[in-house]
């Protein structure tokens, strides 16, 4: 081994969950290391162009995700990197939050440095040293050879539960029965779009768009997203297994992010499947762009400006935690004594094999609680998870996987990891009341 780094809290995965976890741990005054396999942070928000962030609010407009996540939005706004929370003109949720990915990449580097976090990029975790039910170290492979990072508490924000899997902790994948996962999507951007023409067409043809699109308000609010063009899509009959066009606007005023490709039946934790997915996704991008240029009003002069560095992954592995959040918990808006985050995003299951999307709405006050037990892995005493790989059912993952929710669980996991280290206790034995108090100090929303 060429080198060893000593830390108190080790966070694996520099996406939105990992960024929030590392900042939260660092602010607790513990030595924190954040490991990221790409050369930049941001995870799906940057590497896969997942955009915009959906959503910080309930359907009724109450903000239920704040804390470090909102601090990031505030600082982006100050830097000219986001207009803040805007109404969702698709109509699926109350708000979306556009952001400039490259400003976000640099801004969060500043926040990590301010929190005293040591960041390692171009670093791939390929081995976990665990014994007697505890992780002792992770090993990374990079340009400078192999490095061991030893720690007291570890946080899995890899998105794919890589850390949990390599440690021997039990994990799940996909839906019950066939273990199929939600499809992957290669997202891409187009510039040169006449969004004024798109808006006029929507107002003149309301039946060609999602039933909850706020058509009557489109002449008064910014156009942030579009779902529909049903007639054009049906007529084109492209070999992409979905039922409509979906894109979001910005950050430039002639720019859109297209979320239309659909790669099904492949496993995001299998390198052979991922290779196939990357190829298929990029071929679908060219097909979609040509269709939009030829068939959609406002896209006549548009062209591809960027394609995701990697394909976007909605679902892969997740931990088997002390509690599995269920779809019933979500749709009933259940509250838990050990709440560490809330979410107002509805269930949004992209069918693993079919065309459609299954949606289910949240009852009660429009938000559900995520309990601390969903972050605590079984069988490994010093392992927490946050983001896409927390402990849920396949159905409940279809809401917790969204970026603002990942940010919120990341802040909770990082704070809990720091407390576990400082109190010399297992992750499962963290004092939840103390954890909640620390989260509230950092402006998290728990009720």
Foldseek 3Di string as FASTA:
>chain_A
DPEEAEWAEEEEAQALLSLLLLLLLLQLVTAYEYEAQAPFGHPCVAQQVDDDFDDQAAQVGHGFFDFVVVVLLVVQVVVVFWPAWFQALLQQGGTTTGGDRVVSRVVSVVSSVVSVYHYDYSWDFDAWDDDPQATQWTWTQGPVGIYIYGHNFYEYANLACPVCVRRVFDKAAQAPDPSWAFWWAWKFKKFQFPVVFVLVVCLVCVVQFDPSRPSVCSVPGDHFKTWGNQVLVVVVPDPAFARIWIWTDDPDRRMIMTGGHTGADAAPVDPVSQVVSQVSNVVVVVVVLVSCCPGPPRNVPMDTDTIRNGIGDLTTMAAAWPDAAELCQFQAQEADPLFQGKDQNWFWGRDRPHHYTDTHFHDDPRMHTDGQRQQHTPSRFRYGYAALRTHYHSRVSSGCNGSSNRNRRSSLNSNLSSQCSVVVGTSVPRDSVVSNVSSVVSVRRRD
